[in-house]
């Protein structure tokens, strides 16, 4: 089975005042459904209050990140699924729960993971 990354940027999630709990509850329901189905691998949101750093092989730590990933934020789910079509179905469920479109990407096959 293939692992799929289903994600959205923080700015895509526009929640009207008073609806945050409903969105949170809906997203947790989808997460539990994925866990119950045995397809959940990992998920969560990037903590945007913690700035990214780069760590080199000699353990040198530098503030910042690669230029092309400066906007890496939002919510992520990794699901292990039998098909791309199944990934699209789960993405649609997350889109409804989170009230925003979801991006779907497949991880390359790695027999060790």
PDB file of N, CA and C in Angstrom:
ATOM      1  N   UNK A   1       0.841  -1.185   0.000  1.00  0.00           N
ATOM      2  CA  UNK A   1       0.000   0.000   0.000  1.00  0.00           C
ATOM      3  C   UNK A   1       0.884   1.245   0.000  1.00  0.00           C
ATOM      4  N   UNK A   2       0.348   2.304  -0.520  1.00  0.00           N
ATOM      5  CA  UNK A   2       1.064   3.567  -0.637  1.00  0.00           C
ATOM      6  C   UNK A   2       0.675   4.495   0.498  1.00  0.00           C
ATOM      7  N   UNK A   3       1.644   5.270   0.972  1.00  0.00           N
ATOM      8  CA  UNK A   3       1.366   6.303   1.963  1.00  0.00           C
ATOM      9  C   UNK A   3       1.089   7.601   1.209  1.00  0.00           C
ATOM     10  N   UNK A   4       0.063   8.315   1.648  1.00  0.00           N
ATOM     11  CA  UNK A   4      -0.340   9.567   1.026  1.00  0.00           C
ATOM     12  C   UNK A   4      -0.278  10.696   2.044  1.00  0.00           C
ATOM     13  N   UNK A   5       0.220  11.849   1.601  1.00  0.00           N
ATOM     14  CA  UNK A   5       0.209  13.053   2.398  1.00  0.00           C
ATOM     15  C   UNK A   5      -1.001  13.867   1.969  1.00  0.00           C
ATOM     16  N   UNK A   6      -1.875  14.149   2.910  1.00  0.00           N
ATOM     17  CA  UNK A   6      -3.055  14.982   2.666  1.00  0.00           C
ATOM     18  C   UNK A   6      -2.870  16.220   3.525  1.00  0.00           C
ATOM     19  N   UNK A   7      -2.896  17.411   2.907  1.00  0.00           N
ATOM     20  CA  UNK A   7      -2.528  18.609   3.650  1.00  0.00           C
ATOM     21  C   UNK A   7      -3.242  19.849   3.148  1.00  0.00           C
ATOM     22  N   UNK A   8      -3.123  20.900   3.965  1.00  0.00           N
ATOM     23  CA  UNK A   8      -3.641  22.213   3.583  1.00  0.00           C
ATOM     24  C   UNK A   8      -2.817  23.279   4.297  1.00  0.00           C
ATOM     25  N   UNK A   9      -2.664  24.470   3.681  1.00  0.00           N
ATOM     26  CA  UNK A   9      -1.958  25.554   4.345  1.00  0.00           C
ATOM     27  C   UNK A   9      -2.886  26.246   5.346  1.00  0.00           C
ATOM     28  N   UNK A  10      -2.313  26.816   6.375  1.00  0.00           N
ATOM     29  CA  UNK A  10      -3.117  27.485   7.413  1.00  0.00           C
ATOM     30  C   UNK A  10      -4.067  28.523   6.831  1.00  0.00           C
ATOM     31  N   UNK A  11      -3.599  29.292   5.869  1.00  0.00           N
ATOM     32  CA  UNK A  11      -4.416  30.361   5.306  1.00  0.00           C
ATOM     33  C   UNK A  11      -5.655  29.884   4.574  1.00  0.00           C
ATOM     34  N   UNK A  12      -5.689  28.619   4.188  1.00  0.00           N
ATOM     35  CA  UNK A  12      -6.857  28.097   3.471  1.00  0.00           C
ATOM     36  C   UNK A  12      -8.031  27.836   4.399  1.00  0.00           C
ATOM     37  N   UNK A  13      -7.739  27.696   5.670  1.00  0.00           N
ATOM     38  CA  UNK A  13      -8.767  27.353   6.649  1.00  0.00           C
ATOM     39  C   UNK A  13      -9.358  28.635   7.227  1.00  0.00           C
ATOM     40  N   UNK A  14     -10.527  29.023   6.723  1.00  0.00           N
ATOM     41  CA  UNK A  14     -11.207  30.220   7.195  1.00  0.00           C
ATOM     42  C   UNK A  14     -12.421  29.764   7.992  1.00  0.00           C
ATOM     43  N   UNK A  15     -12.368  30.011   9.296  1.00  0.00           N
ATOM     44  CA  UNK A  15     -13.415  29.523  10.189  1.00  0.00           C
ATOM     45  C   UNK A  15     -14.176  30.713  10.761  1.00  0.00           C
ATOM     46  N   UNK A  16     -15.490  30.756  10.541  1.00  0.00           N
ATOM     47  CA  UNK A  16     -16.278  31.848  11.118  1.00  0.00           C
ATOM     48  C   UNK A  16     -16.213  31.838  12.651  1.00  0.00           C
ATOM     49  N   UNK A  17     -16.373  33.010  13.245  1.00  0.00           N
ATOM     50  CA  UNK A  17     -16.379  33.109  14.707  1.00  0.00           C
ATOM     51  C   UNK A  17     -17.373  32.118  15.294  1.00  0.00           C
ATOM     52  N   UNK A  18     -16.937  31.424  16.316  1.00  0.00           N
ATOM     53  CA  UNK A  18     -17.811  30.484  17.000  1.00  0.00           C
ATOM     54  C   UNK A  18     -17.831  29.086  16.416  1.00  0.00           C
ATOM     55  N   UNK A  19     -17.160  28.860  15.277  1.00  0.00           N
ATOM     56  CA  UNK A  19     -17.195  27.548  14.624  1.00  0.00           C
ATOM     57  C   UNK A  19     -15.951  26.696  14.862  1.00  0.00           C
ATOM     58  N   UNK A  20     -14.961  27.227  15.592  1.00  0.00           N
ATOM     59  CA  UNK A  20     -13.710  26.497  15.766  1.00  0.00           C
ATOM     60  C   UNK A  20     -13.935  25.128  16.410  1.00  0.00           C
ATOM     61  N   UNK A  21     -14.765  25.048  17.433  1.00  0.00           N
ATOM     62  CA  UNK A  21     -14.996  23.768  18.100  1.00  0.00           C
ATOM     63  C   UNK A  21     -15.661  22.771  17.163  1.00  0.00           C
ATOM     64  N   UNK A  22     -16.599  23.229  16.356  1.00  0.00           N
ATOM     65  CA  UNK A  22     -17.276  22.337  15.403  1.00  0.00           C
ATOM     66  C   UNK A  22     -16.286  21.792  14.379  1.00  0.00           C
ATOM     67  N   UNK A  23     -15.383  22.637  13.891  1.00  0.00           N
ATOM     68  CA  UNK A  23     -14.364  22.209  12.928  1.00  0.00           C
ATOM     69  C   UNK A  23     -13.411  21.217  13.591  1.00  0.00           C
ATOM     70  N   UNK A  24     -12.999  21.517  14.800  1.00  0.00           N
ATOM     71  CA  UNK A  24     -12.109  20.624  15.538  1.00  0.00           C
ATOM     72  C   UNK A  24     -12.772  19.267  15.760  1.00  0.00           C
ATOM     73  N   UNK A  25     -14.019  19.276  16.192  1.00  0.00           N
ATOM     74  CA  UNK A  25     -14.743  18.020  16.421  1.00  0.00           C
ATOM     75  C   UNK A  25     -14.892  17.227  15.128  1.00  0.00           C
ATOM     76  N   UNK A  26     -15.217  17.907  14.033  1.00  0.00           N
ATOM     77  CA  UNK A  26     -15.393  17.222  12.747  1.00  0.00           C
ATOM     78  C   UNK A  26     -14.086  16.612  12.273  1.00  0.00           C
ATOM     79  N   UNK A  27     -12.983  17.350  12.413  1.00  0.00           N
ATOM     80  CA  UNK A  27     -11.700  16.805  11.963  1.00  0.00           C
ATOM     81  C   UNK A  27     -11.283  15.628  12.835  1.00  0.00           C
ATOM     82  N   UNK A  28     -11.519  15.703  14.140  1.00  0.00           N
ATOM     83  CA  UNK A  28     -11.178  14.581  15.022  1.00  0.00           C
ATOM     84  C   UNK A  28     -12.033  13.349  14.721  1.00  0.00           C
ATOM     85  N   UNK A  29     -13.256  13.568  14.273  1.00  0.00           N
ATOM     86  CA  UNK A  29     -14.108  12.443  13.874  1.00  0.00           C
ATOM     87  C   UNK A  29     -13.520  11.726  12.662  1.00  0.00           C
ATOM     88  N   UNK A  30     -13.039  12.478  11.681  1.00  0.00           N
ATOM     89  CA  UNK A  30     -12.422  11.869  10.497  1.00  0.00           C
ATOM     90  C   UNK A  30     -11.136  11.145  10.887  1.00  0.00           C
ATOM     91  N   UNK A  31     -10.343  11.741  11.762  1.00  0.00           N
ATOM     92  CA  UNK A  31      -9.112  11.092  12.231  1.00  0.00           C
ATOM     93  C   UNK A  31      -9.450   9.766  12.899  1.00  0.00           C
ATOM     94  N   UNK A  32     -10.466   9.763  13.766  1.00  0.00           N
ATOM     95  CA  UNK A  32     -10.841   8.521  14.439  1.00  0.00           C
ATOM     96  C   UNK A  32     -11.348   7.485  13.441  1.00  0.00           C
ATOM     97  N   UNK A  33     -12.087   7.931  12.443  1.00  0.00           N
ATOM     98  CA  UNK A  33     -12.562   7.024  11.390  1.00  0.00           C
ATOM     99  C   UNK A  33     -11.382   6.381  10.659  1.00  0.00           C
ATOM    100  N   UNK A  34     -10.355   7.191  10.349  1.00  0.00           N
ATOM    101  CA  UNK A  34      -9.163   6.666   9.677  1.00  0.00           C
ATOM    102  C   UNK A  34      -8.425   5.688  10.584  1.00  0.00           C
ATOM    103  N   UNK A  35      -8.348   5.987  11.876  1.00  0.00           N
ATOM    104  CA  UNK A  35      -7.709   5.068  12.819  1.00  0.00           C
ATOM    105  C   UNK A  35      -8.483   3.762  12.902  1.00  0.00           C
ATOM    106  N   UNK A  36      -9.809   3.867  13.000  1.00  0.00           N
ATOM    107  CA  UNK A  36     -10.651   2.670  13.078  1.00  0.00           C
ATOM    108  C   UNK A  36     -10.535   1.821  11.818  1.00  0.00           C
ATOM    109  N   UNK A  37     -10.307   2.484  10.665  1.00  0.00           N
ATOM    110  CA  UNK A  37     -10.153   1.770   9.388  1.00  0.00           C
ATOM    111  C   UNK A  37      -8.749   1.204   9.217  1.00  0.00           C
ATOM    112  N   UNK A  38      -7.840   1.561  10.120  1.00  0.00           N
ATOM    113  CA  UNK A  38      -6.472   1.048  10.057  1.00  0.00           C
ATOM    114  C   UNK A  38      -5.600   1.707   9.007  1.00  0.00           C
ATOM    115  N   UNK A  39      -5.974   2.918   8.553  1.00  0.00           N
ATOM    116  CA  UNK A  39      -5.205   3.592   7.507  1.00  0.00           C
ATOM    117  C   UNK A  39      -4.411   4.784   8.033  1.00  0.00           C
ATOM    118  N   UNK A  40      -4.657   5.197   9.263  1.00  0.00           N
ATOM    119  CA  UNK A  40      -3.980   6.360   9.846  1.00  0.00           C
ATOM    120  C   UNK A  40      -2.528   6.018  10.157  1.00  0.00           C
ATOM    121  N   UNK A  41      -1.598   6.846   9.699  1.00  0.00           N
ATOM    122  CA  UNK A  41      -0.189   6.692  10.022  1.00  0.00           C
ATOM    123  C   UNK A  41       0.229   7.793  10.992  1.00  0.00           C
ATOM    124  N   UNK A  42      -0.049   9.049  10.617  1.00  0.00           N
ATOM    125  CA  UNK A  42       0.369  10.188  11.423  1.00  0.00           C
ATOM    126  C   UNK A  42      -0.354  11.423  10.942  1.00  0.00           C
ATOM    127  N   UNK A  43      -0.528  12.378  11.821  1.00  0.00           N
ATOM    128  CA  UNK A  43      -1.104  13.646  11.403  1.00  0.00           C
ATOM    129  C   UNK A  43      -0.937  14.701  12.460  1.00  0.00           C
ATOM    130  N   UNK A  44      -1.158  15.930  12.069  1.00  0.00           N
ATOM    131  CA  UNK A  44      -1.093  17.048  12.996  1.00  0.00           C
ATOM    132  C   UNK A  44      -0.870  18.343  12.261  1.00  0.00           C
ATOM    133  N   UNK A  45      -0.776  19.387  13.026  1.00  0.00           N
ATOM    134  CA  UNK A  45      -0.532  20.706  12.446  1.00  0.00           C
ATOM    135  C   UNK A  45       0.844  21.202  12.826  1.00  0.00           C
ATOM    136  N   UNK A  46       1.441  21.967  11.943  1.00  0.00           N
ATOM    137  CA  UNK A  46       2.735  22.566  12.217  1.00  0.00           C
ATOM    138  C   UNK A  46       2.546  23.647  13.287  1.00  0.00           C
ATOM    139  N   UNK A  47       3.343  23.608  14.339  1.00  0.00           N
ATOM    140  CA  UNK A  47       3.297  24.631  15.384  1.00  0.00           C
ATOM    141  C   UNK A  47       4.036  25.853  14.859  1.00  0.00           C
ATOM    142  N   UNK A  48       3.274  26.827  14.400  1.00  0.00           N
ATOM    143  CA  UNK A  48       3.859  27.998  13.765  1.00  0.00           C
ATOM    144  C   UNK A  48       4.534  28.937  14.762  1.00  0.00           C
ATOM    145  N   UNK A  49       4.375  28.682  16.070  1.00  0.00           N
ATOM    146  CA  UNK A  49       5.052  29.520  17.064  1.00  0.00           C
ATOM    147  C   UNK A  49       6.501  29.077  17.284  1.00  0.00           C
ATOM    148  N   UNK A  50       6.866  27.911  16.744  1.00  0.00           N
ATOM    149  CA  UNK A  50       8.232  27.413  16.861  1.00  0.00           C
ATOM    150  C   UNK A  50       8.931  27.623  15.526  1.00  0.00           C
ATOM    151  N   UNK A  51       9.901  28.530  15.460  1.00  0.00           N
ATOM    152  CA  UNK A  51      10.544  28.811  14.180  1.00  0.00           C
ATOM    153  C   UNK A  51      11.389  27.625  13.695  1.00  0.00           C
ATOM    154  N   UNK A  52      11.432  27.416  12.379  1.00  0.00           N
ATOM    155  CA  UNK A  52      12.228  26.316  11.847  1.00  0.00           C
ATOM    156  C   UNK A  52      13.718  26.608  11.927  1.00  0.00           C
ATOM    157  N   UNK A  53      14.502  25.542  12.006  1.00  0.00           N
ATOM    158  CA  UNK A  53      15.960  25.644  11.979  1.00  0.00           C
ATOM    159  C   UNK A  53      16.494  24.591  11.024  1.00  0.00           C
ATOM    160  N   UNK A  54      17.712  24.822  10.550  1.00  0.00           N
ATOM    161  CA  UNK A  54      18.422  23.861   9.705  1.00  0.00           C
ATOM    162  C   UNK A  54      19.516  23.238  10.556  1.00  0.00           C
ATOM    163  N   UNK A  55      19.667  21.917  10.481  1.00  0.00           N
ATOM    164  CA  UNK A  55      20.710  21.209  11.221  1.00  0.00           C
ATOM    165  C   UNK A  55      21.603  20.510  10.218  1.00  0.00           C
ATOM    166  N   UNK A  56      22.895  20.819  10.265  1.00  0.00           N
ATOM    167  CA  UNK A  56      23.866  20.228   9.351  1.00  0.00           C
ATOM    168  C   UNK A  56      24.427  18.947   9.959  1.00  0.00           C
ATOM    169  N   UNK A  57      25.144  18.181   9.159  1.00  0.00           N
ATOM    170  CA  UNK A  57      25.732  16.924   9.605  1.00  0.00           C
ATOM    171  C   UNK A  57      26.703  17.065  10.753  1.00  0.00           C
ATOM    172  N   UNK A  58      27.317  18.244  10.885  1.00  0.00           N
ATOM    173  CA  UNK A  58      28.233  18.477  12.007  1.00  0.00           C
ATOM    174  C   UNK A  58      27.500  19.059  13.217  1.00  0.00           C
ATOM    175  N   UNK A  59      26.179  19.033  13.159  1.00  0.00           N
ATOM    176  CA  UNK A  59      25.286  19.509  14.223  1.00  0.00           C
ATOM    177  C   UNK A  59      25.206  21.028  14.315  1.00  0.00           C
ATOM    178  N   UNK A  60      25.683  21.732  13.315  1.00  0.00           N
ATOM    179  CA  UNK A  60      25.525  23.182  13.265  1.00  0.00           C
ATOM    180  C   UNK A  60      24.052  23.495  13.063  1.00  0.00           C
ATOM    181  N   UNK A  61      23.509  24.366  13.899  1.00  0.00           N
ATOM    182  CA  UNK A  61      22.105  24.763  13.814  1.00  0.00           C
ATOM    183  C   UNK A  61      22.037  26.200  13.330  1.00  0.00           C
ATOM    184  N   UNK A  62      21.244  26.418  12.274  1.00  0.00           N
ATOM    185  CA  UNK A  62      21.084  27.739  11.689  1.00  0.00           C
ATOM    186  C   UNK A  62      19.606  28.077  11.653  1.00  0.00           C
ATOM    187  N   UNK A  63      19.255  29.286  12.081  1.00  0.00           N
ATOM    188  CA  UNK A  63      17.865  29.721  12.029  1.00  0.00           C
ATOM    189  C   UNK A  63      17.394  29.786  10.589  1.00  0.00           C
ATOM    190  N   UNK A  64      16.154  29.428  10.359  1.00  0.00           N
ATOM    191  CA  UNK A  64      15.579  29.510   9.027  1.00  0.00           C
ATOM    192  C   UNK A  64      15.428  28.152   8.381  1.00  0.00           C
ATOM    193  N   UNK A  65      15.193  28.179   7.079  1.00  0.00           N
ATOM    194  CA  UNK A  65      14.924  26.963   6.341  1.00  0.00           C
ATOM    195  C   UNK A  65      15.276  27.157   4.872  1.00  0.00           C
ATOM    196  N   UNK A  66      15.047  26.134   4.079  1.00  0.00           N
ATOM    197  CA  UNK A  66      15.245  26.271   2.642  1.00  0.00           C
ATOM    198  C   UNK A  66      14.292  27.343   2.117  1.00  0.00           C
ATOM    199  N   UNK A  67      14.746  28.182   1.174  1.00  0.00           N
ATOM    200  CA  UNK A  67      13.881  29.249   0.661  1.00  0.00           C
ATOM    201  C   UNK A  67      12.538  28.747   0.131  1.00  0.00           C
ATOM    202  N   UNK A  68      12.519  27.597  -0.508  1.00  0.00           N
ATOM    203  CA  UNK A  68      11.276  27.107  -1.097  1.00  0.00           C
ATOM    204  C   UNK A  68      10.296  26.549  -0.066  1.00  0.00           C
ATOM    205  N   UNK A  69      10.720  26.433   1.205  1.00  0.00           N
ATOM    206  CA  UNK A  69       9.814  25.895   2.225  1.00  0.00           C
ATOM    207  C   UNK A  69       9.492  26.904   3.314  1.00  0.00           C
ATOM    208  N   UNK A  70       9.694  28.179   3.055  1.00  0.00           N
ATOM    209  CA  UNK A  70       9.428  29.179   4.088  1.00  0.00           C
ATOM    210  C   UNK A  70       7.956  29.218   4.469  1.00  0.00           C
ATOM    211  N   UNK A  71       7.075  28.760   3.618  1.00  0.00           N
ATOM    212  CA  UNK A  71       5.645  28.778   3.908  1.00  0.00           C
ATOM    213  C   UNK A  71       5.108  27.414   4.333  1.00  0.00           C
ATOM    214  N   UNK A  72       5.974  26.533   4.800  1.00  0.00           N
ATOM    215  CA  UNK A  72       5.543  25.215   5.257  1.00  0.00           C
ATOM    216  C   UNK A  72       4.819  25.366   6.581  1.00  0.00           C
ATOM    217  N   UNK A  73       3.504  25.250   6.551  1.00  0.00           N
ATOM    218  CA  UNK A  73       2.675  25.368   7.736  1.00  0.00           C
ATOM    219  C   UNK A  73       1.346  24.701   7.427  1.00  0.00           C
ATOM    220  N   UNK A  74       0.473  24.657   8.382  1.00  0.00           N
ATOM    221  CA  UNK A  74      -0.841  24.097   8.146  1.00  0.00           C
ATOM    222  C   UNK A  74      -1.019  22.738   8.786  1.00  0.00           C
ATOM    223  N   UNK A  75      -1.956  21.968   8.226  1.00  0.00           N
ATOM    224  CA  UNK A  75      -2.287  20.661   8.767  1.00  0.00           C
ATOM    225  C   UNK A  75      -1.918  19.555   7.813  1.00  0.00           C
ATOM    226  N   UNK A  76      -1.543  18.406   8.384  1.00  0.00           N
ATOM    227  CA  UNK A  76      -1.057  17.280   7.595  1.00  0.00           C
ATOM    228  C   UNK A  76      -1.612  15.971   8.132  1.00  0.00           C
ATOM    229  N   UNK A  77      -1.876  15.066   7.241  1.00  0.00           N
ATOM    230  CA  UNK A  77      -2.231  13.693   7.616  1.00  0.00           C
ATOM    231  C   UNK A  77      -1.502  12.759   6.670  1.00  0.00           C
ATOM    232  N   UNK A  78      -0.961  11.683   7.207  1.00  0.00           N
ATOM    233  CA  UNK A  78      -0.356  10.638   6.386  1.00  0.00           C
ATOM    234  C   UNK A  78      -1.205   9.392   6.572  1.00  0.00           C
ATOM    235  N   UNK A  79      -1.738   8.893   5.476  1.00  0.00           N
ATOM    236  CA  UNK A  79      -2.575   7.698   5.492  1.00  0.00           C
ATOM    237  C   UNK A  79      -1.958   6.652   4.590  1.00  0.00           C
ATOM    238  N   UNK A  80      -2.076   5.389   4.962  1.00  0.00           N
ATOM    239  CA  UNK A  80      -1.597   4.295   4.121  1.00  0.00           C
ATOM    240  C   UNK A  80      -2.821   3.662   3.480  1.00  0.00           C
ATOM    241  N   UNK A  81      -2.886   3.771   2.154  1.00  0.00           N
ATOM    242  CA  UNK A  81      -4.110   3.429   1.440  1.00  0.00           C
ATOM    243  C   UNK A  81      -3.835   2.533   0.236  1.00  0.00           C
ATOM    244  N   UNK A  82      -4.851   1.785  -0.197  1.00  0.00           N
ATOM    245  CA  UNK A  82      -4.667   0.851  -1.292  1.00  0.00           C
ATOM    246  C   UNK A  82      -4.644   1.490  -2.682  1.00  0.00           C
ATOM    247  N   UNK A  83      -5.114   2.753  -2.792  1.00  0.00           N
ATOM    248  CA  UNK A  83      -5.186   3.361  -4.125  1.00  0.00           C
ATOM    249  C   UNK A  83      -5.239   4.881  -4.032  1.00  0.00           C
ATOM    250  N   UNK A  84      -4.939   5.509  -5.152  1.00  0.00           N
ATOM    251  CA  UNK A  84      -5.048   6.962  -5.253  1.00  0.00           C
ATOM    252  C   UNK A  84      -6.499   7.392  -5.069  1.00  0.00           C
ATOM    253  N   UNK A  85      -7.413   6.592  -5.587  1.00  0.00           N
ATOM    254  CA  UNK A  85      -8.838   6.902  -5.447  1.00  0.00           C
ATOM    255  C   UNK A  85      -9.242   6.931  -3.975  1.00  0.00           C
ATOM    256  N   UNK A  86      -8.710   5.991  -3.184  1.00  0.00           N
ATOM    257  CA  UNK A  86      -9.000   5.983  -1.750  1.00  0.00           C
ATOM    258  C   UNK A  86      -8.443   7.238  -1.087  1.00  0.00           C
ATOM    259  N   UNK A  87      -7.271   7.689  -1.523  1.00  0.00           N
ATOM    260  CA  UNK A  87      -6.688   8.921  -0.984  1.00  0.00           C
ATOM    261  C   UNK A  87      -7.589  10.114  -1.285  1.00  0.00           C
ATOM    262  N   UNK A  88      -8.155  10.148  -2.472  1.00  0.00           N
ATOM    263  CA  UNK A  88      -9.060  11.240  -2.834  1.00  0.00           C
ATOM    264  C   UNK A  88     -10.318  11.213  -1.974  1.00  0.00           C
ATOM    265  N   UNK A  89     -10.812  10.021  -1.657  1.00  0.00           N
ATOM    266  CA  UNK A  89     -11.989   9.900  -0.802  1.00  0.00           C
ATOM    267  C   UNK A  89     -11.707  10.427   0.602  1.00  0.00           C
ATOM    268  N   UNK A  90     -10.552  10.053   1.179  1.00  0.00           N
ATOM    269  CA  UNK A  90     -10.187  10.543   2.501  1.00  0.00           C
ATOM    270  C   UNK A  90      -9.932  12.046   2.466  1.00  0.00           C
ATOM    271  N   UNK A  91      -9.326  12.543   1.406  1.00  0.00           N
ATOM    272  CA  UNK A  91      -9.089  13.982   1.283  1.00  0.00           C
ATOM    273  C   UNK A  91     -10.414  14.742   1.259  1.00  0.00           C
ATOM    274  N   UNK A  92     -11.406  14.190   0.593  1.00  0.00           N
ATOM    275  CA  UNK A  92     -12.722  14.835   0.553  1.00  0.00           C
ATOM    276  C   UNK A  92     -13.342  14.886   1.946  1.00  0.00           C
ATOM    277  N   UNK A  93     -13.188  13.824   2.718  1.00  0.00           N
ATOM    278  CA  UNK A  93     -13.708  13.815   4.089  1.00  0.00           C
ATOM    279  C   UNK A  93     -13.009  14.884   4.927  1.00  0.00           C
ATOM    280  N   UNK A  94     -11.696  14.993   4.773  1.00  0.00           N
ATOM    281  CA  UNK A  94     -10.951  16.013   5.515  1.00  0.00           C
ATOM    282  C   UNK A  94     -11.310  17.412   5.035  1.00  0.00           C
ATOM    283  N   UNK A  95     -11.571  17.573   3.756  1.00  0.00           N
ATOM    284  CA  UNK A  95     -11.956  18.879   3.215  1.00  0.00           C
ATOM    285  C   UNK A  95     -13.274  19.345   3.831  1.00  0.00           C
ATOM    286  N   UNK A  96     -14.211  18.426   3.968  1.00  0.00           N
ATOM    287  CA  UNK A  96     -15.490  18.781   4.593  1.00  0.00           C
ATOM    288  C   UNK A  96     -15.260  19.160   6.055  1.00  0.00           C
ATOM    289  N   UNK A  97     -14.502  18.339   6.776  1.00  0.00           N
ATOM    290  CA  UNK A  97     -14.272  18.586   8.197  1.00  0.00           C
ATOM    291  C   UNK A  97     -13.516  19.890   8.442  1.00  0.00           C
ATOM    292  N   UNK A  98     -12.491  20.146   7.653  1.00  0.00           N
ATOM    293  CA  UNK A  98     -11.635  21.328   7.842  1.00  0.00           C
ATOM    294  C   UNK A  98     -12.138  22.551   7.090  1.00  0.00           C
ATOM    295  N   UNK A  99     -13.146  22.344   6.259  1.00  0.00           N
ATOM    296  CA  UNK A  99     -13.764  23.431   5.484  1.00  0.00           C
ATOM    297  C   UNK A  99     -12.795  24.097   4.523  1.00  0.00           C
ATOM    298  N   UNK A 100     -11.907  23.284   3.941  1.00  0.00           N
ATOM    299  CA  UNK A 100     -11.007  23.803   2.907  1.00  0.00           C
ATOM    300  C   UNK A 100     -10.486  22.631   2.073  1.00  0.00           C
ATOM    301  N   UNK A 101     -10.109  22.930   0.846  1.00  0.00           N
ATOM    302  CA  UNK A 101      -9.585  21.906  -0.068  1.00  0.00           C
ATOM    303  C   UNK A 101      -8.300  21.306   0.501  1.00  0.00           C
ATOM    304  N   UNK A 102      -8.044  20.073   0.158  1.00  0.00           N
ATOM    305  CA  UNK A 102      -6.874  19.344   0.635  1.00  0.00           C
ATOM    306  C   UNK A 102      -5.986  18.975  -0.550  1.00  0.00           C
ATOM    307  N   UNK A 103      -4.688  19.082  -0.358  1.00  0.00           N
ATOM    308  CA  UNK A 103      -3.714  18.652  -1.368  1.00  0.00           C
ATOM    309  C   UNK A 103      -3.375  17.185  -1.103  1.00  0.00           C
ATOM    310  N   UNK A 104      -3.259  16.398  -2.166  1.00  0.00           N
ATOM    311  CA  UNK A 104      -2.936  14.974  -2.032  1.00  0.00           C
ATOM    312  C   UNK A 104      -1.646  14.688  -2.785  1.00  0.00           C
ATOM    313  N   UNK A 105      -0.705  14.051  -2.084  1.00  0.00           N
ATOM    314  CA  UNK A 105       0.562  13.639  -2.704  1.00  0.00           C
ATOM    315  C   UNK A 105       0.887  12.229  -2.246  1.00  0.00           C
ATOM    316  N   UNK A 106       1.467  11.457  -3.151  1.00  0.00           N
ATOM    317  CA  UNK A 106       1.867  10.086  -2.821  1.00  0.00           C
ATOM    318  C   UNK A 106       3.355  10.055  -2.468  1.00  0.00           C
ATOM    319  N   UNK A 107       3.693   9.298  -1.430  1.00  0.00           N
ATOM    320  CA  UNK A 107       5.099   9.063  -1.112  1.00  0.00           C
ATOM    321  C   UNK A 107       5.624   7.983  -2.042  1.00  0.00           C
ATOM    322  N   UNK A 108       6.886   8.094  -2.423  1.00  0.00           N
ATOM    323  CA  UNK A 108       7.511   7.044  -3.214  1.00  0.00           C
ATOM    324  C   UNK A 108       7.624   5.775  -2.384  1.00  0.00           C
ATOM    325  N   UNK A 109       7.566   4.647  -3.027  1.00  0.00           N
ATOM    326  CA  UNK A 109       7.628   3.376  -2.324  1.00  0.00           C
ATOM    327  C   UNK A 109       9.009   3.167  -1.695  1.00  0.00           C
ATOM    328  N   UNK A 110       9.004   2.781  -0.438  1.00  0.00           N
ATOM    329  CA  UNK A 110      10.227   2.472   0.275  1.00  0.00           C
ATOM    330  C   UNK A 110       9.931   1.234   1.113  1.00  0.00           C
ATOM    331  N   UNK A 111      10.473   0.087   0.742  1.00  0.00           N
ATOM    332  CA  UNK A 111      10.140  -1.150   1.447  1.00  0.00           C
ATOM    333  C   UNK A 111      10.567  -1.137   2.910  1.00  0.00           C
ATOM    334  N   UNK A 112      11.454  -0.241   3.305  1.00  0.00           N
ATOM    335  CA  UNK A 112      11.915  -0.200   4.690  1.00  0.00           C
ATOM    336  C   UNK A 112      11.029   0.668   5.574  1.00  0.00           C
ATOM    337  N   UNK A 113      10.064   1.376   4.976  1.00  0.00           N
ATOM    338  CA  UNK A 113       9.226   2.247   5.808  1.00  0.00           C
ATOM    339  C   UNK A 113       7.832   1.699   5.973  1.00  0.00           C
TER     340      UNK A 113
END
